[in-house]
Amino acid sequence: MEWKLFADLAEIAGGREIDVAAEPGDTVGDALDALLEAHPDLRDRVIADGEVADHINVLRNGQNVRRDGGMDTTLDAGDELALFPPVSGGAVGR
């Protein structure tokens, strides 16, 4: 499986697209564990009190997993996984 990482998460991991040892039938949580094992510097940014931090969005095929099965969501072949930290900014035009 492949994770797409955005903003500072991509910087911490050293890339926007990270392959991990997860397969169809594994869970989103398994895939996240594999990502954090391969890139332990992400752990402090993604995990708080043993859970995915509230401000981190975990997406499977563009849908937030918190609304659909959580980290126990089973992966299918071809699934797209993404991690989004909170993003802000952009200047207001005058």
N, C-alpha and C. Protein backbone atom coordinates (compact mmCIF):
# COMPACT_ATOMS: atom_id res chain seq x y z
N MET A 1 0.86 -1.18 0.00
CA MET A 1 0.00 0.00 0.00
C MET A 1 0.89 1.23 0.00
N GLU A 2 0.30 2.31 -0.41
CA GLU A 2 1.02 3.57 -0.47
C GLU A 2 0.25 4.64 0.29
N TRP A 3 0.98 5.39 1.08
CA TRP A 3 0.43 6.55 1.77
C TRP A 3 0.81 7.80 0.99
N LYS A 4 -0.11 8.72 0.89
CA LYS A 4 0.19 10.05 0.38
C LYS A 4 0.21 10.97 1.59
N LEU A 5 1.31 11.67 1.72
CA LEU A 5 1.50 12.56 2.87
C LEU A 5 1.51 14.00 2.40
N PHE A 6 0.99 14.88 3.22
CA PHE A 6 0.88 16.27 2.85
C PHE A 6 1.52 17.17 3.89
N ALA A 7 1.86 18.37 3.42
CA ALA A 7 2.43 19.43 4.26
C ALA A 7 3.67 18.93 5.00
N ASP A 8 3.76 19.24 6.29
CA ASP A 8 4.97 18.89 7.04
C ASP A 8 5.15 17.39 7.20
N LEU A 9 4.09 16.60 7.07
CA LEU A 9 4.24 15.14 7.18
C LEU A 9 5.12 14.62 6.05
N ALA A 10 4.96 15.15 4.85
CA ALA A 10 5.80 14.75 3.72
C ALA A 10 7.25 15.15 3.97
N GLU A 11 7.45 16.32 4.54
CA GLU A 11 8.82 16.78 4.85
C GLU A 11 9.47 15.87 5.87
N ILE A 12 8.73 15.50 6.92
CA ILE A 12 9.28 14.65 7.97
C ILE A 12 9.65 13.28 7.42
N ALA A 13 8.79 12.72 6.56
CA ALA A 13 9.02 11.37 6.02
C ALA A 13 9.99 11.37 4.84
N GLY A 14 10.27 12.53 4.29
CA GLY A 14 11.20 12.59 3.17
C GLY A 14 10.55 12.29 1.82
N GLY A 15 9.23 12.44 1.74
CA GLY A 15 8.57 12.23 0.46
C GLY A 15 7.06 12.30 0.60
N ARG A 16 6.39 12.58 -0.52
CA ARG A 16 4.93 12.69 -0.51
C ARG A 16 4.25 11.35 -0.67
N GLU A 17 4.92 10.37 -1.26
CA GLU A 17 4.34 9.06 -1.47
C GLU A 17 5.26 8.01 -0.85
N ILE A 18 4.71 7.27 0.12
CA ILE A 18 5.51 6.31 0.88
C ILE A 18 4.86 4.94 0.79
N ASP A 19 5.60 3.96 0.27
CA ASP A 19 5.12 2.58 0.23
C ASP A 19 5.34 1.93 1.58
N VAL A 20 4.35 1.14 2.01
CA VAL A 20 4.46 0.42 3.28
C VAL A 20 4.06 -1.03 3.07
N ALA A 21 4.47 -1.87 4.01
CA ALA A 21 4.16 -3.30 3.96
C ALA A 21 2.76 -3.54 4.52
N ALA A 22 1.76 -3.26 3.71
CA ALA A 22 0.36 -3.54 4.06
C ALA A 22 -0.31 -4.03 2.80
N GLU A 23 -1.27 -4.93 2.96
CA GLU A 23 -1.91 -5.57 1.83
C GLU A 23 -3.42 -5.53 1.99
N PRO A 24 -4.14 -5.82 0.89
CA PRO A 24 -5.59 -5.97 1.03
C PRO A 24 -5.90 -7.00 2.12
N GLY A 25 -6.89 -6.69 2.94
CA GLY A 25 -7.24 -7.53 4.08
C GLY A 25 -6.68 -7.00 5.38
N ASP A 26 -5.59 -6.22 5.32
CA ASP A 26 -5.07 -5.53 6.50
C ASP A 26 -6.01 -4.36 6.79
N THR A 27 -5.79 -3.69 7.90
CA THR A 27 -6.62 -2.55 8.25
C THR A 27 -5.85 -1.24 8.01
N VAL A 28 -6.60 -0.15 8.02
CA VAL A 28 -5.97 1.16 7.93
C VAL A 28 -4.98 1.32 9.09
N GLY A 29 -5.35 0.83 10.26
CA GLY A 29 -4.44 0.89 11.41
C GLY A 29 -3.16 0.12 11.18
N ASP A 30 -3.26 -1.04 10.53
CA ASP A 30 -2.06 -1.82 10.20
C ASP A 30 -1.15 -1.02 9.27
N ALA A 31 -1.77 -0.39 8.27
CA ALA A 31 -0.99 0.40 7.31
C ALA A 31 -0.35 1.61 7.99
N LEU A 32 -1.07 2.22 8.93
CA LEU A 32 -0.50 3.35 9.66
C LEU A 32 0.65 2.88 10.55
N ASP A 33 0.48 1.74 11.21
CA ASP A 33 1.57 1.18 12.02
C ASP A 33 2.82 0.94 11.17
N ALA A 34 2.62 0.41 9.96
CA ALA A 34 3.75 0.16 9.06
C ALA A 34 4.43 1.47 8.66
N LEU A 35 3.63 2.52 8.42
CA LEU A 35 4.19 3.82 8.08
C LEU A 35 5.01 4.37 9.24
N LEU A 36 4.46 4.30 10.44
CA LEU A 36 5.15 4.85 11.61
C LEU A 36 6.38 4.03 11.97
N GLU A 37 6.35 2.74 11.69
CA GLU A 37 7.53 1.91 11.92
C GLU A 37 8.65 2.28 10.95
N ALA A 38 8.29 2.52 9.70
CA ALA A 38 9.28 2.89 8.69
C ALA A 38 9.78 4.32 8.86
N HIS A 39 8.94 5.19 9.42
CA HIS A 39 9.27 6.61 9.59
C HIS A 39 8.89 7.05 11.00
N PRO A 40 9.67 6.62 11.99
CA PRO A 40 9.31 6.89 13.39
C PRO A 40 9.24 8.37 13.75
N ASP A 41 9.88 9.23 12.97
CA ASP A 41 9.81 10.67 13.26
C ASP A 41 8.40 11.22 13.08
N LEU A 42 7.55 10.49 12.35
CA LEU A 42 6.16 10.92 12.18
C LEU A 42 5.31 10.70 13.43
N ARG A 43 5.73 9.76 14.27
CA ARG A 43 4.90 9.35 15.41
C ARG A 43 4.48 10.53 16.28
N ASP A 44 5.41 11.38 16.65
CA ASP A 44 5.08 12.50 17.54
C ASP A 44 4.11 13.49 16.89
N ARG A 45 4.11 13.54 15.58
CA ARG A 45 3.24 14.48 14.86
C ARG A 45 1.85 13.90 14.63
N VAL A 46 1.76 12.56 14.54
CA VAL A 46 0.51 11.89 14.16
C VAL A 46 -0.24 11.31 15.35
N ILE A 47 0.49 10.84 16.36
CA ILE A 47 -0.12 10.12 17.49
C ILE A 47 -0.12 11.00 18.74
N ALA A 48 -1.26 10.99 19.45
CA ALA A 48 -1.38 11.67 20.74
C ALA A 48 -2.13 10.75 21.69
N ASP A 49 -1.57 10.51 22.83
CA ASP A 49 -2.20 9.64 23.84
C ASP A 49 -2.55 8.26 23.27
N GLY A 50 -1.66 7.73 22.42
CA GLY A 50 -1.83 6.38 21.89
C GLY A 50 -2.81 6.25 20.74
N GLU A 51 -3.41 7.35 20.31
CA GLU A 51 -4.39 7.35 19.21
C GLU A 51 -3.97 8.37 18.16
N VAL A 52 -4.56 8.27 16.97
CA VAL A 52 -4.32 9.29 15.96
C VAL A 52 -4.83 10.61 16.53
N ALA A 53 -3.98 11.62 16.47
CA ALA A 53 -4.34 12.94 17.00
C ALA A 53 -5.60 13.46 16.32
N ASP A 54 -6.42 14.16 17.08
CA ASP A 54 -7.69 14.69 16.56
C ASP A 54 -7.51 15.58 15.34
N HIS A 55 -6.39 16.27 15.27
CA HIS A 55 -6.18 17.21 14.18
C HIS A 55 -5.61 16.56 12.91
N ILE A 56 -5.32 15.27 12.95
CA ILE A 56 -4.80 14.55 11.77
C ILE A 56 -5.95 13.83 11.09
N ASN A 57 -6.10 14.06 9.80
CA ASN A 57 -7.12 13.39 9.01
C ASN A 57 -6.52 12.18 8.32
N VAL A 58 -7.12 11.03 8.53
CA VAL A 58 -6.71 9.78 7.88
C VAL A 58 -7.77 9.47 6.84
N LEU A 59 -7.36 9.45 5.58
CA LEU A 59 -8.30 9.24 4.49
C LEU A 59 -8.05 7.91 3.78
N ARG A 60 -9.13 7.26 3.43
CA ARG A 60 -9.09 6.07 2.57
C ARG A 60 -9.99 6.39 1.39
N ASN A 61 -9.41 6.42 0.22
CA ASN A 61 -10.15 6.75 -1.00
C ASN A 61 -10.89 8.08 -0.86
N GLY A 62 -10.22 9.05 -0.24
CA GLY A 62 -10.77 10.38 -0.12
C GLY A 62 -11.77 10.59 0.99
N GLN A 63 -12.08 9.54 1.75
CA GLN A 63 -13.06 9.63 2.84
C GLN A 63 -12.36 9.51 4.19
N ASN A 64 -12.72 10.37 5.11
CA ASN A 64 -12.15 10.31 6.44
C ASN A 64 -12.59 9.01 7.11
N VAL A 65 -11.64 8.19 7.56
CA VAL A 65 -11.99 6.90 8.15
C VAL A 65 -12.71 7.04 9.48
N ARG A 66 -12.63 8.19 10.10
CA ARG A 66 -13.35 8.38 11.37
C ARG A 66 -14.86 8.28 11.17
N ARG A 67 -15.32 8.53 9.96
CA ARG A 67 -16.75 8.45 9.67
C ARG A 67 -17.17 7.09 9.15
N ASP A 68 -16.21 6.22 8.90
CA ASP A 68 -16.54 4.96 8.23
C ASP A 68 -15.64 3.82 8.68
N GLY A 69 -15.83 3.34 9.90
CA GLY A 69 -15.09 2.17 10.36
C GLY A 69 -13.82 2.45 11.12
N GLY A 70 -13.35 3.67 11.12
CA GLY A 70 -12.16 4.02 11.87
C GLY A 70 -10.92 3.27 11.41
N MET A 71 -9.99 3.11 12.31
CA MET A 71 -8.72 2.48 11.99
C MET A 71 -8.87 0.98 11.74
N ASP A 72 -10.03 0.42 12.06
CA ASP A 72 -10.29 -1.00 11.81
C ASP A 72 -10.83 -1.24 10.40
N THR A 73 -10.95 -0.19 9.59
CA THR A 73 -11.43 -0.33 8.22
C THR A 73 -10.49 -1.25 7.44
N THR A 74 -11.08 -2.25 6.79
CA THR A 74 -10.29 -3.21 6.02
C THR A 74 -9.91 -2.62 4.67
N LEU A 75 -8.67 -2.84 4.29
CA LEU A 75 -8.16 -2.33 3.03
C LEU A 75 -8.50 -3.28 1.88
N ASP A 76 -8.81 -2.68 0.74
CA ASP A 76 -9.05 -3.40 -0.51
C ASP A 76 -7.93 -3.06 -1.48
N ALA A 77 -7.73 -3.92 -2.47
CA ALA A 77 -6.74 -3.64 -3.52
C ALA A 77 -7.07 -2.31 -4.17
N GLY A 78 -6.06 -1.51 -4.40
CA GLY A 78 -6.25 -0.23 -5.08
C GLY A 78 -6.65 0.92 -4.19
N ASP A 79 -6.81 0.68 -2.89
CA ASP A 79 -7.17 1.76 -1.97
C ASP A 79 -6.07 2.83 -1.98
N GLU A 80 -6.50 4.08 -1.83
CA GLU A 80 -5.57 5.19 -1.68
C GLU A 80 -5.66 5.70 -0.25
N LEU A 81 -4.52 5.76 0.40
CA LEU A 81 -4.44 6.22 1.78
C LEU A 81 -3.74 7.57 1.82
N ALA A 82 -4.21 8.44 2.70
CA ALA A 82 -3.60 9.76 2.82
C ALA A 82 -3.67 10.25 4.26
N LEU A 83 -2.65 11.01 4.63
CA LEU A 83 -2.61 11.68 5.94
C LEU A 83 -2.53 13.19 5.69
N PHE A 84 -3.46 13.91 6.30
CA PHE A 84 -3.50 15.36 6.20
C PHE A 84 -3.39 15.98 7.58
N PRO A 85 -2.38 16.81 7.78
CA PRO A 85 -2.35 17.60 9.01
C PRO A 85 -3.24 18.82 8.82
N PRO A 86 -3.49 19.56 9.88
CA PRO A 86 -4.25 20.79 9.70
C PRO A 86 -3.45 21.74 8.80
N VAL A 87 -4.15 22.40 7.93
CA VAL A 87 -3.49 23.33 7.00
C VAL A 87 -4.18 24.66 7.14
N SER A 88 -3.38 25.68 7.21
CA SER A 88 -3.94 27.03 7.27
C SER A 88 -3.08 27.93 6.41
N GLY A 89 -3.51 29.12 6.28
CA GLY A 89 -2.67 30.08 5.59
C GLY A 89 -3.30 30.55 4.30
N GLY A 90 -2.47 31.15 3.54
CA GLY A 90 -2.94 31.81 2.33
C GLY A 90 -3.25 33.25 2.65
N ALA A 91 -2.79 34.10 1.82
CA ALA A 91 -3.03 35.51 2.04
C ALA A 91 -4.39 35.92 1.49
N VAL A 92 -5.03 36.81 2.18
CA VAL A 92 -6.29 37.35 1.72
C VAL A 92 -5.99 38.48 0.75
N GLY A 93 -6.60 38.40 -0.43
CA GLY A 93 -6.37 39.44 -1.44
C GLY A 93 -6.93 40.78 -1.00
N ARG A 94 -6.34 41.83 -1.51
CA ARG A 94 -6.81 43.17 -1.14
C ARG A 94 -7.58 43.78 -2.24
